[in-house]
């Protein structure tokens, strides 16, 4: 029988986005069915790839070479949907990767529940974005995409706390800041399908940031460390540049991120 880590590696080594997310959702369902039955699958051990498998398209470019989007135009809005789809596919892999990558750490089963749930939801988000693209006669892979999104995973490949700090607590928290503006762009354009999809993503991403904050604080507490300075040190070590306001302080607080975690890391206040 496959262990949870085996399942994670199978997702990570599947290239096609729709196939990857179908496996992701099926494995998540299997995990939670075993939990409800009181017979949780074994966590196991498996070696994840340094980089997940990816489809031949989209072409991955240096961030500086990705064409600028003009969301006021139909083509610009398609480019925005494509960018979000790319982010969500990366998030699927990030949340499965954190399971086998750090399985040698002694963590409660609730930790695995959270990241399997997050991976399942990110899989849903990717498919929602693909459906929106297809509604506009496009598809994931039709446009070039950002090549730097996996860098945070590679940079924190051997740093458990660093992974939690940078991926959910910085990168996904940024999604809470920018998604309301994206929703408004599609609302003004009368694109109800995209609005509904983005509102689903916005609501569920709060939980993903919260999982990061919860387990980051758990690790700090277990080691009797003050989480705030540890967070600051890790972000300065692994995140390129400063955090950029404006921040969605309400949703960040809902996810367990107080202002004194992120404001000191802005250009004006970087410590």
C-alpha atoms as a PDB file:
ATOM      1  CA  UNK A   1       0.000   0.000   0.000  1.00  0.00           C
ATOM      2  CA  UNK A   2       1.265   3.474  -0.871  1.00  0.00           C
ATOM      3  CA  UNK A   3       2.297   5.683   2.018  1.00  0.00           C
ATOM      4  CA  UNK A   4       1.443   9.374   2.166  1.00  0.00           C
ATOM      5  CA  UNK A   5       5.006  10.222   1.101  1.00  0.00           C
ATOM      6  CA  UNK A   6       4.706   7.837  -1.858  1.00  0.00           C
ATOM      7  CA  UNK A   7       1.537   9.639  -2.907  1.00  0.00           C
ATOM      8  CA  UNK A   8       3.231  13.014  -2.598  1.00  0.00           C
ATOM      9  CA  UNK A   9       6.136  11.948  -4.803  1.00  0.00           C
ATOM     10  CA  UNK A  10       3.727  10.526  -7.386  1.00  0.00           C
ATOM     11  CA  UNK A  11       2.004  13.923  -7.610  1.00  0.00           C
ATOM     12  CA  UNK A  12       5.340  15.736  -7.808  1.00  0.00           C
ATOM     13  CA  UNK A  13       6.591  13.521 -10.644  1.00  0.00           C
ATOM     14  CA  UNK A  14       3.423  13.888 -12.751  1.00  0.00           C
ATOM     15  CA  UNK A  15       3.884  16.529 -15.457  1.00  0.00           C
ATOM     16  CA  UNK A  16       0.434  17.308 -16.860  1.00  0.00           C
ATOM     17  CA  UNK A  17      -1.456  19.823 -14.742  1.00  0.00           C
ATOM     18  CA  UNK A  18      -4.908  18.236 -14.990  1.00  0.00           C
ATOM     19  CA  UNK A  19      -3.452  14.762 -14.342  1.00  0.00           C
ATOM     20  CA  UNK A  20      -1.342  16.061 -11.446  1.00  0.00           C
ATOM     21  CA  UNK A  21      -4.330  17.679  -9.769  1.00  0.00           C
ATOM     22  CA  UNK A  22      -6.561  14.644 -10.369  1.00  0.00           C
ATOM     23  CA  UNK A  23      -4.015  12.487  -8.527  1.00  0.00           C
ATOM     24  CA  UNK A  24      -3.693  15.130  -5.832  1.00  0.00           C
ATOM     25  CA  UNK A  25      -7.426  15.197  -5.159  1.00  0.00           C
ATOM     26  CA  UNK A  26      -7.743  11.398  -5.254  1.00  0.00           C
ATOM     27  CA  UNK A  27      -4.881  10.952  -2.788  1.00  0.00           C
ATOM     28  CA  UNK A  28      -6.296  13.634  -0.505  1.00  0.00           C
ATOM     29  CA  UNK A  29      -9.644  11.831  -0.485  1.00  0.00           C
ATOM     30  CA  UNK A  30      -7.896   8.550   0.314  1.00  0.00           C
ATOM     31  CA  UNK A  31      -5.958  10.159   3.172  1.00  0.00           C
ATOM     32  CA  UNK A  32      -9.033  11.703   4.784  1.00  0.00           C
ATOM     33  CA  UNK A  33     -11.087   8.528   4.315  1.00  0.00           C
ATOM     34  CA  UNK A  34      -8.401   6.617   6.208  1.00  0.00           C
ATOM     35  CA  UNK A  35      -8.386   9.252   8.951  1.00  0.00           C
ATOM     36  CA  UNK A  36     -12.152   9.107   9.346  1.00  0.00           C
ATOM     37  CA  UNK A  37     -11.994   5.319   9.533  1.00  0.00           C
ATOM     38  CA  UNK A  38      -9.409   5.588  12.304  1.00  0.00           C
ATOM     39  CA  UNK A  39      -6.797   3.781  10.214  1.00  0.00           C
ATOM     40  CA  UNK A  40      -4.551   6.588   8.991  1.00  0.00           C
ATOM     41  CA  UNK A  41      -2.232   5.654   6.170  1.00  0.00           C
ATOM     42  CA  UNK A  42       1.441   5.384   7.015  1.00  0.00           C
ATOM     43  CA  UNK A  43       3.418   8.591   6.537  1.00  0.00           C
ATOM     44  CA  UNK A  44       6.419   6.627   5.316  1.00  0.00           C
ATOM     45  CA  UNK A  45       9.531   8.015   3.682  1.00  0.00           C
ATOM     46  CA  UNK A  46      10.163   8.840   0.023  1.00  0.00           C
ATOM     47  CA  UNK A  47      12.654  11.081  -1.767  1.00  0.00           C
ATOM     48  CA  UNK A  48      10.961  14.021  -3.511  1.00  0.00           C
ATOM     49  CA  UNK A  49      12.579  15.457  -6.645  1.00  0.00           C
ATOM     50  CA  UNK A  50      14.423  18.749  -6.324  1.00  0.00           C
ATOM     51  CA  UNK A  51      12.061  20.137  -8.967  1.00  0.00           C
ATOM     52  CA  UNK A  52       8.587  18.793  -9.766  1.00  0.00           C
ATOM     53  CA  UNK A  53       7.686  17.525 -13.211  1.00  0.00           C
ATOM     54  CA  UNK A  54       6.127  20.148 -15.462  1.00  0.00           C
ATOM     55  CA  UNK A  55       4.310  20.102 -18.815  1.00  0.00           C
ATOM     56  CA  UNK A  56       6.250  21.199 -21.918  1.00  0.00           C
ATOM     57  CA  UNK A  57       4.215  24.406 -21.935  1.00  0.00           C
ATOM     58  CA  UNK A  58       4.153  27.086 -20.634  1.00  0.00           C
ATOM     59  CA  UNK A  59       7.599  28.376 -21.481  1.00  0.00           C
ATOM     60  CA  UNK A  60       9.214  29.431 -18.206  1.00  0.00           C
ATOM     61  CA  UNK A  61      10.966  32.798 -18.354  1.00  0.00           C
ATOM     62  CA  UNK A  62      13.037  34.897 -16.022  1.00  0.00           C
ATOM     63  CA  UNK A  63      10.600  37.140 -14.109  1.00  0.00           C
ATOM     64  CA  UNK A  64      12.054  40.203 -15.860  1.00  0.00           C
ATOM     65  CA  UNK A  65      11.208  38.704 -19.264  1.00  0.00           C
ATOM     66  CA  UNK A  66       7.538  37.858 -18.600  1.00  0.00           C
ATOM     67  CA  UNK A  67       5.402  40.289 -20.662  1.00  0.00           C
ATOM     68  CA  UNK A  68       3.596  42.954 -18.632  1.00  0.00           C
ATOM     69  CA  UNK A  69      -0.136  42.361 -18.200  1.00  0.00           C
ATOM     70  CA  UNK A  70      -2.726  45.040 -18.997  1.00  0.00           C
ATOM     71  CA  UNK A  71      -5.763  43.818 -17.047  1.00  0.00           C
ATOM     72  CA  UNK A  72      -8.030  46.468 -18.587  1.00  0.00           C
ATOM     73  CA  UNK A  73      -8.083  44.501 -21.855  1.00  0.00           C
ATOM     74  CA  UNK A  74      -9.542  41.026 -22.578  1.00  0.00           C
ATOM     75  CA  UNK A  75      -6.099  39.660 -23.462  1.00  0.00           C
ATOM     76  CA  UNK A  76      -4.694  41.179 -20.275  1.00  0.00           C
ATOM     77  CA  UNK A  77      -7.366  39.491 -18.191  1.00  0.00           C
ATOM     78  CA  UNK A  78      -6.598  36.147 -19.850  1.00  0.00           C
ATOM     79  CA  UNK A  79      -2.933  36.702 -18.992  1.00  0.00           C
ATOM     80  CA  UNK A  80      -3.927  37.374 -15.385  1.00  0.00           C
ATOM     81  CA  UNK A  81      -5.945  34.146 -15.199  1.00  0.00           C
ATOM     82  CA  UNK A  82      -2.990  32.286 -16.711  1.00  0.00           C
ATOM     83  CA  UNK A  83      -0.636  33.751 -14.103  1.00  0.00           C
ATOM     84  CA  UNK A  84      -2.954  32.672 -11.285  1.00  0.00           C
ATOM     85  CA  UNK A  85      -3.227  29.155 -12.765  1.00  0.00           C
ATOM     86  CA  UNK A  86       0.572  28.969 -12.776  1.00  0.00           C
ATOM     87  CA  UNK A  87       0.731  30.074  -9.145  1.00  0.00           C
ATOM     88  CA  UNK A  88      -1.860  27.487  -8.138  1.00  0.00           C
ATOM     89  CA  UNK A  89      -0.062  24.638  -9.916  1.00  0.00           C
ATOM     90  CA  UNK A  90       3.143  25.577  -8.130  1.00  0.00           C
ATOM     91  CA  UNK A  91       1.211  25.660  -4.860  1.00  0.00           C
ATOM     92  CA  UNK A  92      -0.040  22.100  -5.424  1.00  0.00           C
ATOM     93  CA  UNK A  93       3.563  20.936  -5.666  1.00  0.00           C
ATOM     94  CA  UNK A  94       4.757  23.087  -2.772  1.00  0.00           C
ATOM     95  CA  UNK A  95       2.162  21.610  -0.420  1.00  0.00           C
ATOM     96  CA  UNK A  96       2.854  18.026  -1.443  1.00  0.00           C
ATOM     97  CA  UNK A  97       6.621  18.612  -1.345  1.00  0.00           C
ATOM     98  CA  UNK A  98       6.577  19.739   2.301  1.00  0.00           C
ATOM     99  CA  UNK A  99       5.258  16.300   3.325  1.00  0.00           C
ATOM    100  CA  UNK A 100       8.099  13.971   2.192  1.00  0.00           C
ATOM    101  CA  UNK A 101      10.746  16.705   2.270  1.00  0.00           C
ATOM    102  CA  UNK A 102      10.492  17.049   6.042  1.00  0.00           C
ATOM    103  CA  UNK A 103       8.940  13.708   7.033  1.00  0.00           C
ATOM    104  CA  UNK A 104      11.996  12.924   9.188  1.00  0.00           C
ATOM    105  CA  UNK A 105      10.688  15.519  11.649  1.00  0.00           C
ATOM    106  CA  UNK A 106       8.377  14.220  14.353  1.00  0.00           C
ATOM    107  CA  UNK A 107       5.087  16.021  13.635  1.00  0.00           C
ATOM    108  CA  UNK A 108       1.495  15.365  14.727  1.00  0.00           C
ATOM    109  CA  UNK A 109      -0.975  13.859  12.264  1.00  0.00           C
ATOM    110  CA  UNK A 110      -2.764  17.221  12.224  1.00  0.00           C
ATOM    111  CA  UNK A 111       0.224  18.671  10.408  1.00  0.00           C
ATOM    112  CA  UNK A 112      -0.283  16.211   7.560  1.00  0.00           C
ATOM    113  CA  UNK A 113      -4.049  16.827   7.583  1.00  0.00           C
ATOM    114  CA  UNK A 114      -3.452  20.530   7.017  1.00  0.00           C
ATOM    115  CA  UNK A 115      -1.039  20.208   4.103  1.00  0.00           C
ATOM    116  CA  UNK A 116      -3.018  17.477   2.362  1.00  0.00           C
ATOM    117  CA  UNK A 117      -6.111  19.689   2.655  1.00  0.00           C
ATOM    118  CA  UNK A 118      -4.151  22.678   1.328  1.00  0.00           C
ATOM    119  CA  UNK A 119      -2.843  20.636  -1.625  1.00  0.00           C
ATOM    120  CA  UNK A 120      -6.364  19.421  -2.376  1.00  0.00           C
ATOM    121  CA  UNK A 121      -7.710  22.978  -2.362  1.00  0.00           C
ATOM    122  CA  UNK A 122      -4.861  24.265  -4.527  1.00  0.00           C
ATOM    123  CA  UNK A 123      -5.678  21.488  -7.004  1.00  0.00           C
ATOM    124  CA  UNK A 124      -9.259  22.726  -7.094  1.00  0.00           C
ATOM    125  CA  UNK A 125      -7.999  26.292  -7.600  1.00  0.00           C
ATOM    126  CA  UNK A 126      -5.821  25.283 -10.547  1.00  0.00           C
ATOM    127  CA  UNK A 127      -8.746  23.557 -12.219  1.00  0.00           C
ATOM    128  CA  UNK A 128     -11.009  26.552 -11.606  1.00  0.00           C
ATOM    129  CA  UNK A 129      -8.470  28.781 -13.349  1.00  0.00           C
ATOM    130  CA  UNK A 130      -8.122  26.312 -16.237  1.00  0.00           C
ATOM    131  CA  UNK A 131     -11.906  26.287 -16.602  1.00  0.00           C
ATOM    132  CA  UNK A 132     -11.909  30.089 -16.725  1.00  0.00           C
ATOM    133  CA  UNK A 133      -9.172  30.087 -19.363  1.00  0.00           C
ATOM    134  CA  UNK A 134     -11.061  27.548 -21.465  1.00  0.00           C
ATOM    135  CA  UNK A 135     -14.204  29.685 -21.112  1.00  0.00           C
ATOM    136  CA  UNK A 136     -12.181  32.394 -22.894  1.00  0.00           C
ATOM    137  CA  UNK A 137     -10.903  29.956 -25.567  1.00  0.00           C
ATOM    138  CA  UNK A 138      -7.460  29.742 -23.964  1.00  0.00           C
ATOM    139  CA  UNK A 139      -5.646  27.170 -21.842  1.00  0.00           C
ATOM    140  CA  UNK A 140      -2.858  26.782 -19.319  1.00  0.00           C
ATOM    141  CA  UNK A 141       0.368  26.769 -21.304  1.00  0.00           C
ATOM    142  CA  UNK A 142      -0.809  29.239 -23.949  1.00  0.00           C
ATOM    143  CA  UNK A 143       1.337  32.025 -22.478  1.00  0.00           C
ATOM    144  CA  UNK A 144       4.817  32.172 -20.922  1.00  0.00           C
ATOM    145  CA  UNK A 145       5.081  32.053 -17.140  1.00  0.00           C
ATOM    146  CA  UNK A 146       7.336  33.019 -14.264  1.00  0.00           C
ATOM    147  CA  UNK A 147      10.309  30.645 -13.806  1.00  0.00           C
ATOM    148  CA  UNK A 148      11.223  31.798 -10.309  1.00  0.00           C
ATOM    149  CA  UNK A 149       8.308  30.425  -8.334  1.00  0.00           C
ATOM    150  CA  UNK A 150      10.011  27.188  -7.300  1.00  0.00           C
ATOM    151  CA  UNK A 151      13.109  29.034  -6.078  1.00  0.00           C
ATOM    152  CA  UNK A 152      11.713  29.377  -2.553  1.00  0.00           C
ATOM    153  CA  UNK A 153      11.391  25.591  -2.357  1.00  0.00           C
ATOM    154  CA  UNK A 154      14.939  25.032  -3.569  1.00  0.00           C
ATOM    155  CA  UNK A 155      16.333  27.675  -1.215  1.00  0.00           C
ATOM    156  CA  UNK A 156      14.632  26.048   1.794  1.00  0.00           C
ATOM    157  CA  UNK A 157      15.185  22.448   0.737  1.00  0.00           C
ATOM    158  CA  UNK A 158      16.852  21.598   4.063  1.00  0.00           C
ATOM    159  CA  UNK A 159      15.280  24.221   6.342  1.00  0.00           C
ATOM    160  CA  UNK A 160      11.870  23.227   7.691  1.00  0.00           C
ATOM    161  CA  UNK A 161      11.182  26.491   9.520  1.00  0.00           C
ATOM    162  CA  UNK A 162      12.483  28.453   6.546  1.00  0.00           C
ATOM    163  CA  UNK A 163      10.026  26.683   4.230  1.00  0.00           C
ATOM    164  CA  UNK A 164       7.104  27.493   6.525  1.00  0.00           C
ATOM    165  CA  UNK A 165       8.216  31.095   6.904  1.00  0.00           C
ATOM    166  CA  UNK A 166       8.746  31.876   3.226  1.00  0.00           C
ATOM    167  CA  UNK A 167       6.098  29.861   1.376  1.00  0.00           C
ATOM    168  CA  UNK A 168       2.831  30.177   3.319  1.00  0.00           C
ATOM    169  CA  UNK A 169       3.719  33.125   5.571  1.00  0.00           C
ATOM    170  CA  UNK A 170       5.235  35.362   2.857  1.00  0.00           C
ATOM    171  CA  UNK A 171       4.326  34.150  -0.639  1.00  0.00           C
ATOM    172  CA  UNK A 172       0.793  32.936   0.081  1.00  0.00           C
ATOM    173  CA  UNK A 173       0.159  35.854   2.413  1.00  0.00           C
ATOM    174  CA  UNK A 174       0.888  38.112  -0.559  1.00  0.00           C
ATOM    175  CA  UNK A 175      -2.047  36.484  -2.294  1.00  0.00           C
ATOM    176  CA  UNK A 176      -4.314  37.793   0.454  1.00  0.00           C
ATOM    177  CA  UNK A 177      -3.087  41.302  -0.371  1.00  0.00           C
ATOM    178  CA  UNK A 178      -3.578  41.222  -4.140  1.00  0.00           C
ATOM    179  CA  UNK A 179      -6.583  38.956  -4.755  1.00  0.00           C
ATOM    180  CA  UNK A 180      -9.290  41.505  -3.814  1.00  0.00           C
ATOM    181  CA  UNK A 181      -7.970  43.811  -6.534  1.00  0.00           C
ATOM    182  CA  UNK A 182      -8.055  40.989  -9.066  1.00  0.00           C
ATOM    183  CA  UNK A 183     -11.635  40.153  -8.123  1.00  0.00           C
ATOM    184  CA  UNK A 184     -12.613  43.769  -8.749  1.00  0.00           C
ATOM    185  CA  UNK A 185     -10.979  43.731 -12.201  1.00  0.00           C
ATOM    186  CA  UNK A 186     -13.120  40.775 -13.284  1.00  0.00           C
ATOM    187  CA  UNK A 187     -16.236  42.122 -11.586  1.00  0.00           C
ATOM    188  CA  UNK A 188     -15.928  45.360 -13.582  1.00  0.00           C
ATOM    189  CA  UNK A 189     -15.471  43.279 -16.741  1.00  0.00           C
ATOM    190  CA  UNK A 190     -18.680  41.335 -15.990  1.00  0.00           C
ATOM    191  CA  UNK A 191     -16.829  38.012 -15.805  1.00  0.00           C
ATOM    192  CA  UNK A 192     -18.932  36.256 -13.163  1.00  0.00           C
ATOM    193  CA  UNK A 193     -17.167  32.903 -13.651  1.00  0.00           C
ATOM    194  CA  UNK A 194     -13.748  34.381 -12.863  1.00  0.00           C
ATOM    195  CA  UNK A 195     -15.143  36.369  -9.918  1.00  0.00           C
ATOM    196  CA  UNK A 196     -16.646  33.228  -8.389  1.00  0.00           C
ATOM    197  CA  UNK A 197     -13.424  31.263  -8.886  1.00  0.00           C
ATOM    198  CA  UNK A 198     -11.220  33.991  -7.393  1.00  0.00           C
ATOM    199  CA  UNK A 199     -13.556  34.449  -4.432  1.00  0.00           C
ATOM    200  CA  UNK A 200     -13.223  30.711  -3.705  1.00  0.00           C
ATOM    201  CA  UNK A 201      -9.438  30.993  -3.891  1.00  0.00           C
ATOM    202  CA  UNK A 202      -9.414  34.088  -1.670  1.00  0.00           C
ATOM    203  CA  UNK A 203     -11.527  32.435   1.029  1.00  0.00           C
ATOM    204  CA  UNK A 204      -9.457  29.244   1.143  1.00  0.00           C
ATOM    205  CA  UNK A 205      -5.996  30.824   0.931  1.00  0.00           C
ATOM    206  CA  UNK A 206      -6.503  32.311   4.408  1.00  0.00           C
ATOM    207  CA  UNK A 207      -6.402  28.774   5.767  1.00  0.00           C
ATOM    208  CA  UNK A 208      -3.157  27.970   3.964  1.00  0.00           C
ATOM    209  CA  UNK A 209      -1.424  30.987   5.456  1.00  0.00           C
ATOM    210  CA  UNK A 210      -2.859  29.992   8.831  1.00  0.00           C
ATOM    211  CA  UNK A 211      -1.405  26.478   8.520  1.00  0.00           C
ATOM    212  CA  UNK A 212       2.008  27.983   7.926  1.00  0.00           C
ATOM    213  CA  UNK A 213       1.730  30.291  10.944  1.00  0.00           C
ATOM    214  CA  UNK A 214       0.384  27.500  13.161  1.00  0.00           C
ATOM    215  CA  UNK A 215       3.153  25.004  12.409  1.00  0.00           C
ATOM    216  CA  UNK A 216       5.884  27.649  12.380  1.00  0.00           C
ATOM    217  CA  UNK A 217       4.805  28.717  15.862  1.00  0.00           C
ATOM    218  CA  UNK A 218       4.558  25.072  16.902  1.00  0.00           C
ATOM    219  CA  UNK A 219       8.187  24.412  15.930  1.00  0.00           C
ATOM    220  CA  UNK A 220       9.373  27.580  17.646  1.00  0.00           C
ATOM    221  CA  UNK A 221       7.447  26.684  20.794  1.00  0.00           C
ATOM    222  CA  UNK A 222       8.862  23.167  20.829  1.00  0.00           C
ATOM    223  CA  UNK A 223      12.358  24.654  20.743  1.00  0.00           C
ATOM    224  CA  UNK A 224      11.516  27.442  23.219  1.00  0.00           C
ATOM    225  CA  UNK A 225      12.177  30.142  20.596  1.00  0.00           C
ATOM    226  CA  UNK A 226      10.487  33.504  20.171  1.00  0.00           C
ATOM    227  CA  UNK A 227       8.840  33.126  16.728  1.00  0.00           C
ATOM    228  CA  UNK A 228       8.965  36.790  15.673  1.00  0.00           C
ATOM    229  CA  UNK A 229      12.765  37.261  15.507  1.00  0.00           C
ATOM    230  CA  UNK A 230      13.147  33.763  14.052  1.00  0.00           C
ATOM    231  CA  UNK A 231      10.671  34.695  11.307  1.00  0.00           C
ATOM    232  CA  UNK A 232      12.484  37.957  10.587  1.00  0.00           C
ATOM    233  CA  UNK A 233      15.840  36.195  10.333  1.00  0.00           C
ATOM    234  CA  UNK A 234      14.525  33.482   8.024  1.00  0.00           C
ATOM    235  CA  UNK A 235      12.737  35.885   5.691  1.00  0.00           C
ATOM    236  CA  UNK A 236      15.861  38.033   5.411  1.00  0.00           C
ATOM    237  CA  UNK A 237      17.880  34.891   4.658  1.00  0.00           C
ATOM    238  CA  UNK A 238      15.610  33.326   2.041  1.00  0.00           C
ATOM    239  CA  UNK A 239      13.333  36.002   0.584  1.00  0.00           C
ATOM    240  CA  UNK A 240      14.822  38.252  -2.069  1.00  0.00           C
ATOM    241  CA  UNK A 241      13.990  41.896  -1.397  1.00  0.00           C
ATOM    242  CA  UNK A 242      11.572  43.523   1.025  1.00  0.00           C
ATOM    243  CA  UNK A 243       7.891  42.898   1.676  1.00  0.00           C
ATOM    244  CA  UNK A 244       5.676  45.335  -0.196  1.00  0.00           C
ATOM    245  CA  UNK A 245       2.672  47.115   1.308  1.00  0.00           C
ATOM    246  CA  UNK A 246      -0.245  47.660   1.157  1.00  0.00           C
ATOM    247  CA  UNK A 247      -1.102  44.653   3.294  1.00  0.00           C
ATOM    248  CA  UNK A 248      -4.490  43.051   3.865  1.00  0.00           C
ATOM    249  CA  UNK A 249      -4.115  43.363   7.616  1.00  0.00           C
ATOM    250  CA  UNK A 250      -7.567  41.968   8.390  1.00  0.00           C
ATOM    251  CA  UNK A 251      -7.056  38.708   6.496  1.00  0.00           C
ATOM    252  CA  UNK A 252      -3.451  38.402   7.658  1.00  0.00           C
ATOM    253  CA  UNK A 253      -4.636  38.698  11.263  1.00  0.00           C
ATOM    254  CA  UNK A 254      -7.323  36.090  10.577  1.00  0.00           C
ATOM    255  CA  UNK A 255      -4.512  33.784   9.399  1.00  0.00           C
ATOM    256  CA  UNK A 256      -2.444  34.403  12.538  1.00  0.00           C
ATOM    257  CA  UNK A 257       0.037  36.921  11.109  1.00  0.00           C
ATOM    258  CA  UNK A 258       0.271  40.020  13.348  1.00  0.00           C
ATOM    259  CA  UNK A 259       1.583  43.300  11.860  1.00  0.00           C
ATOM    260  CA  UNK A 260       4.843  43.188  13.823  1.00  0.00           C
ATOM    261  CA  UNK A 261       5.797  40.083  11.837  1.00  0.00           C
ATOM    262  CA  UNK A 262       5.698  41.706   8.408  1.00  0.00           C
ATOM    263  CA  UNK A 263       5.858  45.512   8.721  1.00  0.00           C
ATOM    264  CA  UNK A 264       9.483  45.462   9.984  1.00  0.00           C
ATOM    265  CA  UNK A 265      10.452  43.681   6.739  1.00  0.00           C
ATOM    266  CA  UNK A 266       9.267  46.449   4.418  1.00  0.00           C
ATOM    267  CA  UNK A 267      11.623  48.846   2.625  1.00  0.00           C
ATOM    268  CA  UNK A 268      11.026  51.569   5.200  1.00  0.00           C
ATOM    269  CA  UNK A 269      11.456  49.400   8.258  1.00  0.00           C
ATOM    270  CA  UNK A 270      13.616  46.411   7.263  1.00  0.00           C
ATOM    271  CA  UNK A 271      15.558  45.331  10.349  1.00  0.00           C
END
